[in-house]
Amino acid sequence: MISIVKSMTLSGLQGDLIETQTYITGGLPSFEIVGLPDTSVKEAKERVKAAIKNTGYEFPSRKIIINLAPADKRKEGSYYDLPIAIGILKTLGEIVHEIGDNIIFIGELSLNGKVNRVNGILPMCIQAIELGAEKIIIPKENENEANIIEGIEIIPVKSLQEVVDYLNGFLEIGKNQKSYRERNTKINNFEIDFSEVKGQKNAKRALEIAAAGRS
């Protein structure tokens, strides 16, 4: 059985759709991630394994292959921890409901199963809307930033267990309906900065010089 879970990656200010394909079969126990992953993505294996175990699920002693498609696009960052974990649990039957093509998963996992904040959530949410996604599951710590966006249902989660319970229909998670401006009365207190932009070194340097008043 192959499970497919949708995720996103960030290239500059552009979000790109990524399919996390999970295949579990017999053979010697192994855990491989393919599809041009960089070191940070390869390290997801240990985070995902520990998070699944510490959430109370059994990690299979079987051959696990994760393919991040399209395979010709370089993958970097920790965005894929959550979709990889969900793909494994779905393949094992821990998630009983179907996961539709209209839902996207983004999040880094701690070893204890907590879903950690990631950078670049805003452009990824914008691109998800353009791609026709209806829901996006993100870290709770990214909720305020993502709530700026309209046109997609934001599902903020704190842990891997919350995601599983939500997908199985045991938990309802609603979006915080307060606007960004309502939650931040001082308009100049921005919660996003250049750390949200992947790459674009020369453009960011030019903007920094312009902001400093130099020519």
N, C-alpha and C. Protein backbone atom coordinates (compact mmCIF):
# COMPACT_ATOMS: atom_id res chain seq x y z
N MET A 1 0.85 -1.20 0.00
CA MET A 1 0.00 0.00 0.00
C MET A 1 0.88 1.25 0.00
N ILE A 2 0.50 2.22 -0.79
CA ILE A 2 1.22 3.49 -0.85
C ILE A 2 0.29 4.61 -0.38
N SER A 3 0.77 5.39 0.56
CA SER A 3 0.01 6.56 1.04
C SER A 3 0.63 7.82 0.46
N ILE A 4 -0.21 8.77 0.08
CA ILE A 4 0.26 10.04 -0.47
C ILE A 4 -0.28 11.18 0.38
N VAL A 5 0.63 11.99 0.88
CA VAL A 5 0.28 13.14 1.71
C VAL A 5 0.89 14.38 1.07
N LYS A 6 0.12 15.43 0.95
CA LYS A 6 0.59 16.67 0.31
C LYS A 6 1.30 17.58 1.31
N SER A 7 2.36 18.20 0.85
CA SER A 7 3.10 19.16 1.65
C SER A 7 3.55 20.30 0.75
N MET A 8 4.36 21.21 1.32
CA MET A 8 4.87 22.34 0.56
C MET A 8 6.35 22.53 0.86
N THR A 9 7.04 23.14 -0.07
CA THR A 9 8.40 23.59 0.16
C THR A 9 8.50 25.06 -0.24
N LEU A 10 9.61 25.69 0.09
CA LEU A 10 9.76 27.11 -0.17
C LEU A 10 11.01 27.34 -0.99
N SER A 11 10.85 28.07 -2.10
CA SER A 11 11.96 28.46 -2.95
C SER A 11 11.89 29.96 -3.14
N GLY A 12 12.75 30.69 -2.42
CA GLY A 12 12.62 32.14 -2.40
C GLY A 12 11.34 32.52 -1.70
N LEU A 13 10.47 33.26 -2.40
CA LEU A 13 9.16 33.60 -1.86
C LEU A 13 8.06 32.74 -2.48
N GLN A 14 8.45 31.71 -3.20
CA GLN A 14 7.50 30.88 -3.92
C GLN A 14 7.33 29.54 -3.22
N GLY A 15 6.09 29.18 -2.92
CA GLY A 15 5.81 27.87 -2.35
C GLY A 15 5.55 26.86 -3.45
N ASP A 16 6.05 25.65 -3.30
CA ASP A 16 5.86 24.60 -4.29
C ASP A 16 5.23 23.38 -3.63
N LEU A 17 4.32 22.73 -4.35
CA LEU A 17 3.65 21.55 -3.84
C LEU A 17 4.57 20.34 -3.90
N ILE A 18 4.60 19.57 -2.81
CA ILE A 18 5.40 18.35 -2.73
C ILE A 18 4.49 17.19 -2.32
N GLU A 19 4.62 16.06 -3.02
CA GLU A 19 3.92 14.84 -2.64
C GLU A 19 4.84 13.98 -1.79
N THR A 20 4.38 13.64 -0.59
CA THR A 20 5.12 12.71 0.26
C THR A 20 4.51 11.33 0.08
N GLN A 21 5.21 10.48 -0.64
CA GLN A 21 4.72 9.14 -0.94
C GLN A 21 5.39 8.14 0.00
N THR A 22 4.57 7.33 0.68
CA THR A 22 5.08 6.37 1.66
C THR A 22 4.78 4.95 1.23
N TYR A 23 5.82 4.10 1.24
CA TYR A 23 5.66 2.69 0.89
C TYR A 23 6.34 1.84 1.96
N ILE A 24 5.58 0.93 2.57
CA ILE A 24 6.11 0.04 3.60
C ILE A 24 5.96 -1.39 3.11
N THR A 25 7.07 -2.13 3.14
CA THR A 25 7.06 -3.49 2.63
C THR A 25 7.90 -4.38 3.52
N GLY A 26 7.94 -5.68 3.21
CA GLY A 26 8.75 -6.61 3.96
C GLY A 26 10.22 -6.48 3.61
N GLY A 27 11.05 -7.26 4.31
CA GLY A 27 12.48 -7.18 4.08
C GLY A 27 13.20 -6.70 5.32
N LEU A 28 14.51 -6.52 5.19
CA LEU A 28 15.29 -6.04 6.32
C LEU A 28 14.85 -4.63 6.71
N PRO A 29 14.72 -4.36 8.03
CA PRO A 29 14.29 -3.04 8.47
C PRO A 29 15.20 -1.93 7.94
N SER A 30 14.60 -0.92 7.32
CA SER A 30 15.34 0.23 6.82
C SER A 30 14.38 1.40 6.67
N PHE A 31 14.94 2.59 6.59
CA PHE A 31 14.12 3.81 6.48
C PHE A 31 14.86 4.73 5.53
N GLU A 32 14.36 4.85 4.31
CA GLU A 32 15.03 5.65 3.29
C GLU A 32 14.13 6.80 2.81
N ILE A 33 14.74 7.96 2.61
CA ILE A 33 14.05 9.11 2.03
C ILE A 33 14.73 9.45 0.71
N VAL A 34 13.98 9.42 -0.38
CA VAL A 34 14.53 9.71 -1.71
C VAL A 34 13.77 10.89 -2.31
N GLY A 35 14.33 11.44 -3.40
CA GLY A 35 13.71 12.60 -4.04
C GLY A 35 14.52 13.86 -3.84
N LEU A 36 15.86 13.73 -3.89
CA LEU A 36 16.81 14.84 -3.71
C LEU A 36 16.66 15.55 -2.36
N PRO A 37 16.68 14.79 -1.25
CA PRO A 37 16.62 15.44 0.07
C PRO A 37 18.00 15.94 0.49
N ASP A 38 18.07 17.08 1.16
CA ASP A 38 19.34 17.53 1.70
C ASP A 38 19.52 16.93 3.10
N THR A 39 20.57 17.34 3.80
CA THR A 39 20.88 16.75 5.11
C THR A 39 19.77 16.95 6.12
N SER A 40 19.17 18.14 6.14
CA SER A 40 18.10 18.42 7.11
C SER A 40 16.89 17.53 6.89
N VAL A 41 16.61 17.18 5.61
CA VAL A 41 15.49 16.29 5.32
C VAL A 41 15.84 14.86 5.70
N LYS A 42 17.08 14.43 5.43
CA LYS A 42 17.49 13.08 5.80
C LYS A 42 17.43 12.88 7.31
N GLU A 43 17.72 13.94 8.06
CA GLU A 43 17.67 13.85 9.52
C GLU A 43 16.24 13.67 10.03
N ALA A 44 15.26 13.90 9.17
CA ALA A 44 13.87 13.73 9.56
C ALA A 44 13.59 12.28 9.98
N LYS A 45 14.37 11.35 9.48
CA LYS A 45 14.16 9.95 9.81
C LYS A 45 14.19 9.72 11.32
N GLU A 46 15.18 10.28 11.99
CA GLU A 46 15.31 10.08 13.44
C GLU A 46 14.24 10.84 14.20
N ARG A 47 13.92 12.07 13.74
CA ARG A 47 12.88 12.84 14.42
C ARG A 47 11.52 12.15 14.29
N VAL A 48 11.20 11.69 13.08
CA VAL A 48 9.92 11.04 12.84
C VAL A 48 9.81 9.74 13.62
N LYS A 49 10.85 8.95 13.61
CA LYS A 49 10.85 7.67 14.32
C LYS A 49 10.61 7.87 15.81
N ALA A 50 11.34 8.81 16.42
CA ALA A 50 11.18 9.08 17.85
C ALA A 50 9.81 9.67 18.16
N ALA A 51 9.33 10.58 17.30
CA ALA A 51 8.03 11.22 17.53
C ALA A 51 6.90 10.20 17.49
N ILE A 52 6.95 9.28 16.53
CA ILE A 52 5.90 8.26 16.43
C ILE A 52 5.92 7.36 17.66
N LYS A 53 7.10 6.93 18.08
CA LYS A 53 7.21 6.06 19.26
C LYS A 53 6.74 6.78 20.53
N ASN A 54 7.17 8.03 20.70
CA ASN A 54 6.84 8.76 21.92
C ASN A 54 5.41 9.28 21.94
N THR A 55 4.72 9.16 20.79
CA THR A 55 3.29 9.49 20.75
C THR A 55 2.45 8.26 21.11
N GLY A 56 3.11 7.12 21.19
CA GLY A 56 2.41 5.92 21.63
C GLY A 56 2.12 4.90 20.54
N TYR A 57 2.67 5.13 19.34
CA TYR A 57 2.46 4.20 18.24
C TYR A 57 3.70 3.33 18.02
N GLU A 58 3.50 2.16 17.48
CA GLU A 58 4.61 1.27 17.20
C GLU A 58 5.24 1.63 15.86
N PHE A 59 6.56 1.79 15.86
CA PHE A 59 7.26 2.06 14.62
C PHE A 59 7.61 0.73 13.97
N PRO A 60 7.25 0.52 12.71
CA PRO A 60 7.40 -0.80 12.09
C PRO A 60 8.85 -1.19 11.84
N SER A 61 9.17 -2.45 12.14
CA SER A 61 10.49 -3.00 11.82
C SER A 61 10.43 -3.61 10.43
N ARG A 62 10.22 -2.75 9.46
CA ARG A 62 10.07 -3.18 8.08
C ARG A 62 10.82 -2.19 7.18
N LYS A 63 10.73 -2.41 5.90
CA LYS A 63 11.39 -1.52 4.95
C LYS A 63 10.45 -0.37 4.62
N ILE A 64 10.90 0.86 4.89
CA ILE A 64 10.09 2.06 4.66
C ILE A 64 10.79 2.93 3.62
N ILE A 65 10.07 3.29 2.60
CA ILE A 65 10.61 4.17 1.56
C ILE A 65 9.72 5.41 1.47
N ILE A 66 10.32 6.56 1.61
CA ILE A 66 9.63 7.84 1.46
C ILE A 66 10.14 8.52 0.19
N ASN A 67 9.25 8.82 -0.73
CA ASN A 67 9.63 9.53 -1.95
C ASN A 67 9.02 10.92 -1.93
N LEU A 68 9.86 11.93 -2.04
CA LEU A 68 9.40 13.32 -2.08
C LEU A 68 9.35 13.75 -3.54
N ALA A 69 8.15 13.85 -4.09
CA ALA A 69 8.00 14.15 -5.52
C ALA A 69 7.54 15.60 -5.73
N PRO A 70 7.98 16.25 -6.80
CA PRO A 70 8.78 15.70 -7.91
C PRO A 70 10.24 15.44 -7.50
N ALA A 71 10.79 14.34 -8.01
CA ALA A 71 12.11 13.88 -7.58
C ALA A 71 13.24 14.75 -8.11
N ASP A 72 12.97 15.61 -9.10
CA ASP A 72 14.04 16.43 -9.67
C ASP A 72 14.17 17.79 -8.99
N LYS A 73 13.39 18.02 -7.95
CA LYS A 73 13.45 19.30 -7.23
C LYS A 73 14.14 19.10 -5.89
N ARG A 74 15.15 19.90 -5.60
CA ARG A 74 15.91 19.77 -4.37
C ARG A 74 15.00 20.07 -3.17
N LYS A 75 15.03 19.19 -2.15
CA LYS A 75 14.22 19.37 -0.94
C LYS A 75 15.13 19.74 0.22
N GLU A 76 14.76 20.78 0.94
CA GLU A 76 15.54 21.18 2.10
C GLU A 76 14.61 21.73 3.17
N GLY A 77 15.07 21.70 4.42
CA GLY A 77 14.27 22.19 5.53
C GLY A 77 13.57 21.06 6.27
N SER A 78 12.87 21.44 7.32
CA SER A 78 12.21 20.46 8.20
C SER A 78 10.69 20.44 7.99
N TYR A 79 10.21 21.01 6.87
CA TYR A 79 8.77 21.06 6.60
C TYR A 79 8.14 19.68 6.48
N TYR A 80 8.95 18.68 6.13
CA TYR A 80 8.40 17.37 5.74
C TYR A 80 8.25 16.40 6.89
N ASP A 81 8.71 16.77 8.09
CA ASP A 81 8.59 15.85 9.23
C ASP A 81 7.16 15.39 9.44
N LEU A 82 6.25 16.34 9.52
CA LEU A 82 4.85 16.00 9.80
C LEU A 82 4.23 15.17 8.68
N PRO A 83 4.33 15.58 7.40
CA PRO A 83 3.73 14.73 6.35
C PRO A 83 4.34 13.34 6.27
N ILE A 84 5.64 13.21 6.56
CA ILE A 84 6.26 11.88 6.55
C ILE A 84 5.66 11.01 7.65
N ALA A 85 5.54 11.58 8.86
CA ALA A 85 4.96 10.83 9.97
C ALA A 85 3.52 10.44 9.68
N ILE A 86 2.74 11.36 9.12
CA ILE A 86 1.34 11.07 8.80
C ILE A 86 1.26 10.00 7.72
N GLY A 87 2.15 10.04 6.74
CA GLY A 87 2.16 9.02 5.69
C GLY A 87 2.43 7.64 6.25
N ILE A 88 3.36 7.54 7.19
CA ILE A 88 3.67 6.26 7.81
C ILE A 88 2.48 5.74 8.62
N LEU A 89 1.90 6.61 9.44
CA LEU A 89 0.76 6.19 10.27
C LEU A 89 -0.45 5.84 9.42
N LYS A 90 -0.63 6.54 8.30
CA LYS A 90 -1.73 6.21 7.40
C LYS A 90 -1.51 4.84 6.78
N THR A 91 -0.30 4.55 6.35
CA THR A 91 0.01 3.26 5.74
C THR A 91 -0.16 2.12 6.73
N LEU A 92 0.12 2.40 8.01
CA LEU A 92 -0.01 1.38 9.05
C LEU A 92 -1.46 1.19 9.51
N GLY A 93 -2.36 2.06 9.05
CA GLY A 93 -3.76 1.94 9.42
C GLY A 93 -4.14 2.67 10.69
N GLU A 94 -3.23 3.48 11.24
CA GLU A 94 -3.56 4.25 12.44
C GLU A 94 -4.49 5.42 12.12
N ILE A 95 -4.48 5.85 10.88
CA ILE A 95 -5.42 6.88 10.41
C ILE A 95 -6.41 6.18 9.50
N VAL A 96 -7.67 6.13 9.94
CA VAL A 96 -8.65 5.29 9.25
C VAL A 96 -9.38 6.02 8.13
N HIS A 97 -9.47 7.33 8.20
CA HIS A 97 -10.17 8.08 7.16
C HIS A 97 -9.21 8.42 6.02
N GLU A 98 -9.77 8.60 4.85
CA GLU A 98 -8.96 9.00 3.70
C GLU A 98 -8.45 10.43 3.88
N ILE A 99 -7.26 10.66 3.40
CA ILE A 99 -6.68 12.01 3.42
C ILE A 99 -6.81 12.58 2.01
N GLY A 100 -7.63 13.58 1.85
CA GLY A 100 -7.91 14.13 0.53
C GLY A 100 -6.76 14.92 -0.07
N ASP A 101 -6.85 15.17 -1.36
CA ASP A 101 -5.84 15.96 -2.06
C ASP A 101 -5.94 17.44 -1.71
N ASN A 102 -7.01 17.83 -1.01
CA ASN A 102 -7.23 19.25 -0.72
C ASN A 102 -6.65 19.68 0.62
N ILE A 103 -5.88 18.80 1.28
CA ILE A 103 -5.31 19.13 2.59
C ILE A 103 -3.80 19.02 2.54
N ILE A 104 -3.12 20.00 3.12
CA ILE A 104 -1.67 20.08 3.08
C ILE A 104 -1.12 20.07 4.51
N PHE A 105 0.01 19.39 4.69
CA PHE A 105 0.63 19.25 6.01
C PHE A 105 2.01 19.89 6.00
N ILE A 106 2.27 20.73 7.00
CA ILE A 106 3.58 21.37 7.15
C ILE A 106 3.94 21.38 8.63
N GLY A 107 5.15 20.96 8.97
CA GLY A 107 5.54 21.03 10.37
C GLY A 107 6.79 20.23 10.68
N GLU A 108 7.57 20.74 11.61
CA GLU A 108 8.75 20.04 12.12
C GLU A 108 8.36 19.33 13.41
N LEU A 109 8.88 18.13 13.61
CA LEU A 109 8.56 17.35 14.80
C LEU A 109 9.71 17.35 15.80
N SER A 110 9.34 17.48 17.09
CA SER A 110 10.30 17.22 18.15
C SER A 110 10.32 15.72 18.43
N LEU A 111 11.30 15.28 19.18
CA LEU A 111 11.40 13.85 19.48
C LEU A 111 10.23 13.35 20.32
N ASN A 112 9.59 14.28 21.07
CA ASN A 112 8.46 13.89 21.91
C ASN A 112 7.11 13.99 21.20
N GLY A 113 7.13 14.33 19.89
CA GLY A 113 5.89 14.41 19.13
C GLY A 113 5.31 15.80 19.02
N LYS A 114 5.94 16.80 19.61
CA LYS A 114 5.47 18.18 19.51
C LYS A 114 5.72 18.68 18.08
N VAL A 115 4.79 19.49 17.57
CA VAL A 115 4.95 20.09 16.24
C VAL A 115 5.53 21.49 16.41
N ASN A 116 6.72 21.69 15.87
CA ASN A 116 7.44 22.95 16.05
C ASN A 116 7.20 23.93 14.91
N ARG A 117 7.42 25.19 15.21
CA ARG A 117 7.28 26.28 14.24
C ARG A 117 8.26 26.10 13.09
N VAL A 118 7.84 26.53 11.90
CA VAL A 118 8.71 26.55 10.72
C VAL A 118 8.70 27.95 10.12
N ASN A 119 9.71 28.27 9.35
CA ASN A 119 9.77 29.56 8.66
C ASN A 119 9.10 29.47 7.30
N GLY A 120 8.58 30.62 6.83
CA GLY A 120 8.03 30.70 5.48
C GLY A 120 6.61 30.22 5.34
N ILE A 121 5.85 30.18 6.42
CA ILE A 121 4.49 29.64 6.36
C ILE A 121 3.57 30.52 5.52
N LEU A 122 3.80 31.82 5.52
CA LEU A 122 2.93 32.75 4.80
C LEU A 122 2.94 32.51 3.29
N PRO A 123 4.09 32.54 2.62
CA PRO A 123 4.07 32.27 1.17
C PRO A 123 3.59 30.87 0.83
N MET A 124 3.82 29.91 1.71
CA MET A 124 3.35 28.56 1.44
C MET A 124 1.82 28.49 1.51
N CYS A 125 1.23 29.21 2.44
CA CYS A 125 -0.24 29.26 2.53
C CYS A 125 -0.83 29.94 1.29
N ILE A 126 -0.19 31.01 0.85
CA ILE A 126 -0.67 31.73 -0.34
C ILE A 126 -0.63 30.82 -1.56
N GLN A 127 0.48 30.08 -1.72
CA GLN A 127 0.60 29.18 -2.85
C GLN A 127 -0.38 28.02 -2.74
N ALA A 128 -0.64 27.57 -1.53
CA ALA A 128 -1.59 26.46 -1.33
C ALA A 128 -2.98 26.85 -1.83
N ILE A 129 -3.36 28.11 -1.61
CA ILE A 129 -4.66 28.58 -2.11
C ILE A 129 -4.68 28.56 -3.63
N GLU A 130 -3.60 29.04 -4.24
CA GLU A 130 -3.53 29.08 -5.70
C GLU A 130 -3.58 27.68 -6.31
N LEU A 131 -3.13 26.69 -5.54
CA LEU A 131 -3.13 25.30 -6.01
C LEU A 131 -4.45 24.59 -5.72
N GLY A 132 -5.39 25.30 -5.11
CA GLY A 132 -6.71 24.74 -4.87
C GLY A 132 -6.88 24.01 -3.56
N ALA A 133 -5.92 24.11 -2.65
CA ALA A 133 -6.05 23.45 -1.35
C ALA A 133 -7.14 24.13 -0.52
N GLU A 134 -7.84 23.35 0.27
CA GLU A 134 -8.91 23.88 1.11
C GLU A 134 -8.52 23.95 2.58
N LYS A 135 -7.58 23.10 3.00
CA LYS A 135 -7.14 23.07 4.39
C LYS A 135 -5.62 22.96 4.43
N ILE A 136 -5.03 23.53 5.48
CA ILE A 136 -3.59 23.40 5.67
C ILE A 136 -3.33 23.21 7.16
N ILE A 137 -2.67 22.11 7.50
CA ILE A 137 -2.32 21.81 8.89
C ILE A 137 -0.92 22.33 9.15
N ILE A 138 -0.81 23.23 10.14
CA ILE A 138 0.45 23.91 10.42
C ILE A 138 0.74 23.87 11.92
N PRO A 139 1.96 24.21 12.34
CA PRO A 139 2.26 24.29 13.76
C PRO A 139 1.44 25.39 14.44
N LYS A 140 1.05 25.14 15.67
CA LYS A 140 0.28 26.11 16.44
C LYS A 140 1.03 27.44 16.54
N GLU A 141 2.36 27.37 16.63
CA GLU A 141 3.16 28.58 16.78
C GLU A 141 3.15 29.45 15.53
N ASN A 142 2.72 28.92 14.41
CA ASN A 142 2.60 29.69 13.17
C ASN A 142 1.19 30.23 12.94
N GLU A 143 0.29 30.02 13.88
CA GLU A 143 -1.12 30.35 13.67
C GLU A 143 -1.34 31.82 13.40
N ASN A 144 -0.75 32.69 14.21
CA ASN A 144 -0.99 34.13 14.04
C ASN A 144 -0.57 34.61 12.66
N GLU A 145 0.55 34.12 12.20
CA GLU A 145 1.05 34.51 10.88
C GLU A 145 0.12 34.01 9.78
N ALA A 146 -0.32 32.76 9.89
CA ALA A 146 -1.15 32.16 8.85
C ALA A 146 -2.55 32.77 8.82
N ASN A 147 -3.02 33.28 9.95
CA ASN A 147 -4.37 33.83 10.02
C ASN A 147 -4.52 35.12 9.22
N ILE A 148 -3.42 35.66 8.72
CA ILE A 148 -3.50 36.81 7.83
C ILE A 148 -4.22 36.41 6.54
N ILE A 149 -4.04 35.16 6.15
CA ILE A 149 -4.54 34.65 4.88
C ILE A 149 -6.01 34.29 4.97
N GLU A 150 -6.76 34.65 3.94
CA GLU A 150 -8.16 34.23 3.81
C GLU A 150 -8.29 33.34 2.58
N GLY A 151 -9.25 32.44 2.62
CA GLY A 151 -9.48 31.58 1.47
C GLY A 151 -9.03 30.15 1.68
N ILE A 152 -8.50 29.85 2.85
CA ILE A 152 -8.08 28.48 3.19
C ILE A 152 -8.30 28.26 4.68
N GLU A 153 -8.70 27.06 5.05
CA GLU A 153 -8.95 26.75 6.46
C GLU A 153 -7.63 26.40 7.13
N ILE A 154 -7.29 27.14 8.18
CA ILE A 154 -6.06 26.92 8.92
C ILE A 154 -6.34 25.97 10.07
N ILE A 155 -5.55 24.89 10.15
CA ILE A 155 -5.69 23.92 11.24
C ILE A 155 -4.38 23.94 12.04
N PRO A 156 -4.32 24.72 13.13
CA PRO A 156 -3.09 24.80 13.92
C PRO A 156 -3.02 23.65 14.93
N VAL A 157 -1.89 22.97 14.99
CA VAL A 157 -1.76 21.81 15.88
C VAL A 157 -0.51 21.94 16.75
N LYS A 158 -0.58 21.33 17.92
CA LYS A 158 0.53 21.35 18.85
C LYS A 158 1.34 20.06 18.82
N SER A 159 0.72 18.96 18.41
CA SER A 159 1.40 17.67 18.50
C SER A 159 0.96 16.73 17.39
N LEU A 160 1.75 15.68 17.19
CA LEU A 160 1.41 14.65 16.22
C LEU A 160 0.11 13.96 16.61
N GLN A 161 -0.11 13.76 17.89
CA GLN A 161 -1.34 13.11 18.35
C GLN A 161 -2.56 13.93 17.98
N GLU A 162 -2.47 15.26 18.09
CA GLU A 162 -3.59 16.12 17.71
C GLU A 162 -3.93 15.94 16.23
N VAL A 163 -2.93 15.82 15.39
CA VAL A 163 -3.16 15.65 13.96
C VAL A 163 -3.89 14.33 13.69
N VAL A 164 -3.41 13.26 14.33
CA VAL A 164 -4.04 11.95 14.14
C VAL A 164 -5.48 11.97 14.62
N ASP A 165 -5.71 12.56 15.80
CA ASP A 165 -7.08 12.63 16.34
C ASP A 165 -7.99 13.46 15.45
N TYR A 166 -7.44 14.54 14.89
CA TYR A 166 -8.23 15.38 13.98
C TYR A 166 -8.60 14.62 12.72
N LEU A 167 -7.64 13.93 12.13
CA LEU A 167 -7.90 13.19 10.90
C LEU A 167 -8.86 12.02 11.11
N ASN A 168 -8.84 11.45 12.31
CA ASN A 168 -9.74 10.34 12.62
C ASN A 168 -11.11 10.79 13.10
N GLY A 169 -11.29 12.11 13.22
CA GLY A 169 -12.59 12.64 13.60
C GLY A 169 -12.84 12.70 15.09
N PHE A 170 -11.78 12.51 15.90
CA PHE A 170 -11.94 12.54 17.35
C PHE A 170 -11.74 13.93 17.95
N LEU A 171 -11.24 14.86 17.14
CA LEU A 171 -10.91 16.19 17.63
C LEU A 171 -11.28 17.24 16.60
N GLU A 172 -11.91 18.31 17.07
CA GLU A 172 -12.22 19.45 16.20
C GLU A 172 -11.24 20.58 16.51
N ILE A 173 -10.67 21.13 15.47
CA ILE A 173 -9.74 22.24 15.63
C ILE A 173 -10.21 23.38 14.77
N GLY A 174 -10.49 24.51 15.37
CA GLY A 174 -10.98 25.66 14.63
C GLY A 174 -9.94 26.75 14.53
N LYS A 175 -10.09 27.55 13.50
CA LYS A 175 -9.18 28.68 13.28
C LYS A 175 -9.53 29.81 14.23
N ASN A 176 -8.50 30.47 14.76
CA ASN A 176 -8.68 31.69 15.54
C ASN A 176 -9.18 32.78 14.60
N GLN A 177 -10.40 33.25 14.82
CA GLN A 177 -11.02 34.15 13.86
C GLN A 177 -10.60 35.62 14.03
N LYS A 178 -9.84 35.93 15.09
CA LYS A 178 -9.39 37.30 15.24
C LYS A 178 -8.40 37.65 14.14
N SER A 179 -8.53 38.85 13.63
CA SER A 179 -7.64 39.27 12.56
C SER A 179 -6.25 39.58 13.11
N TYR A 180 -5.29 39.64 12.22
CA TYR A 180 -3.91 39.97 12.61
C TYR A 180 -3.87 41.36 13.26
N ARG A 181 -4.61 42.29 12.72
CA ARG A 181 -4.60 43.65 13.26
C ARG A 181 -5.23 43.68 14.65
N GLU A 182 -6.28 42.91 14.89
CA GLU A 182 -6.93 42.85 16.20
C GLU A 182 -6.01 42.25 17.25
N ARG A 183 -5.20 41.29 16.87
CA ARG A 183 -4.30 40.65 17.83
C ARG A 183 -3.05 41.47 18.06
N ASN A 184 -2.76 42.43 17.21
CA ASN A 184 -1.56 43.24 17.31
C ASN A 184 -1.94 44.71 17.22
N THR A 185 -2.25 45.30 18.35
CA THR A 185 -2.76 46.67 18.37
C THR A 185 -1.69 47.67 17.93
N LYS A 186 -0.43 47.35 18.16
CA LYS A 186 0.65 48.20 17.66
C LYS A 186 1.01 47.72 16.26
N ILE A 187 0.59 48.47 15.27
CA ILE A 187 0.69 48.03 13.89
C ILE A 187 2.14 47.78 13.48
N ASN A 188 3.09 48.49 14.10
CA ASN A 188 4.48 48.35 13.69
C ASN A 188 5.18 47.14 14.32
N ASN A 189 4.48 46.39 15.15
CA ASN A 189 5.07 45.18 15.73
C ASN A 189 4.85 44.00 14.80
N PHE A 190 5.76 43.82 13.88
CA PHE A 190 5.62 42.76 12.89
C PHE A 190 6.15 41.44 13.43
N GLU A 191 5.47 40.36 13.10
CA GLU A 191 5.90 39.04 13.54
C GLU A 191 6.64 38.29 12.43
N ILE A 192 6.79 38.91 11.28
CA ILE A 192 7.50 38.26 10.18
C ILE A 192 8.65 39.15 9.74
N ASP A 193 9.74 38.54 9.29
CA ASP A 193 10.91 39.30 8.87
C ASP A 193 11.65 38.51 7.79
N PHE A 194 12.89 38.89 7.55
CA PHE A 194 13.66 38.26 6.47
C PHE A 194 13.93 36.78 6.71
N SER A 195 13.78 36.32 7.95
CA SER A 195 14.00 34.90 8.21
C SER A 195 12.96 34.04 7.51
N GLU A 196 11.85 34.67 7.06
CA GLU A 196 10.80 33.94 6.36
C GLU A 196 11.14 33.75 4.87
N VAL A 197 12.17 34.45 4.39
CA VAL A 197 12.51 34.40 2.97
C VAL A 197 13.66 33.43 2.75
N LYS A 198 13.44 32.45 1.91
CA LYS A 198 14.47 31.45 1.62
C LYS A 198 15.33 31.95 0.45
N GLY A 199 16.64 32.03 0.68
CA GLY A 199 17.53 32.50 -0.38
C GLY A 199 17.40 34.00 -0.59
N GLN A 200 17.48 34.45 -1.86
CA GLN A 200 17.34 35.87 -2.22
C GLN A 200 18.33 36.76 -1.46
N LYS A 201 19.57 36.28 -1.32
CA LYS A 201 20.57 36.99 -0.53
C LYS A 201 20.80 38.41 -1.04
N ASN A 202 20.99 38.57 -2.35
CA ASN A 202 21.29 39.90 -2.91
C ASN A 202 20.12 40.86 -2.75
N ALA A 203 18.89 40.36 -2.97
CA ALA A 203 17.71 41.21 -2.82
C ALA A 203 17.55 41.67 -1.37
N LYS A 204 17.76 40.76 -0.42
CA LYS A 204 17.63 41.14 0.99
C LYS A 204 18.71 42.15 1.38
N ARG A 205 19.92 41.97 0.86
CA ARG A 205 21.00 42.90 1.15
C ARG A 205 20.68 44.28 0.61
N ALA A 206 20.11 44.36 -0.59
CA ALA A 206 19.74 45.64 -1.19
C ALA A 206 18.68 46.35 -0.35
N LEU A 207 17.71 45.60 0.13
CA LEU A 207 16.65 46.18 0.95
C LEU A 207 17.20 46.67 2.29
N GLU A 208 18.13 45.92 2.88
CA GLU A 208 18.73 46.34 4.14
C GLU A 208 19.49 47.66 3.98
N ILE A 209 20.21 47.78 2.86
CA ILE A 209 20.95 49.03 2.60
C ILE A 209 19.98 50.19 2.40
N ALA A 210 18.90 49.93 1.62
CA ALA A 210 17.91 50.98 1.38
C ALA A 210 17.24 51.42 2.69
N ALA A 211 16.93 50.45 3.56
CA ALA A 211 16.29 50.77 4.84
C ALA A 211 17.21 51.57 5.75
N ALA A 212 18.51 51.34 5.59
CA ALA A 212 19.48 52.06 6.42
C ALA A 212 19.77 53.46 5.89
N GLY A 213 19.18 53.79 4.72
CA GLY A 213 19.32 55.14 4.18
C GLY A 213 20.53 55.35 3.32
N ARG A 214 21.14 54.22 2.88
CA ARG A 214 22.30 54.35 2.02
C ARG A 214 21.90 54.14 0.57
N SER A 215 22.71 54.65 -0.34
CA SER A 215 22.44 54.50 -1.77
C SER A 215 23.17 53.30 -2.34
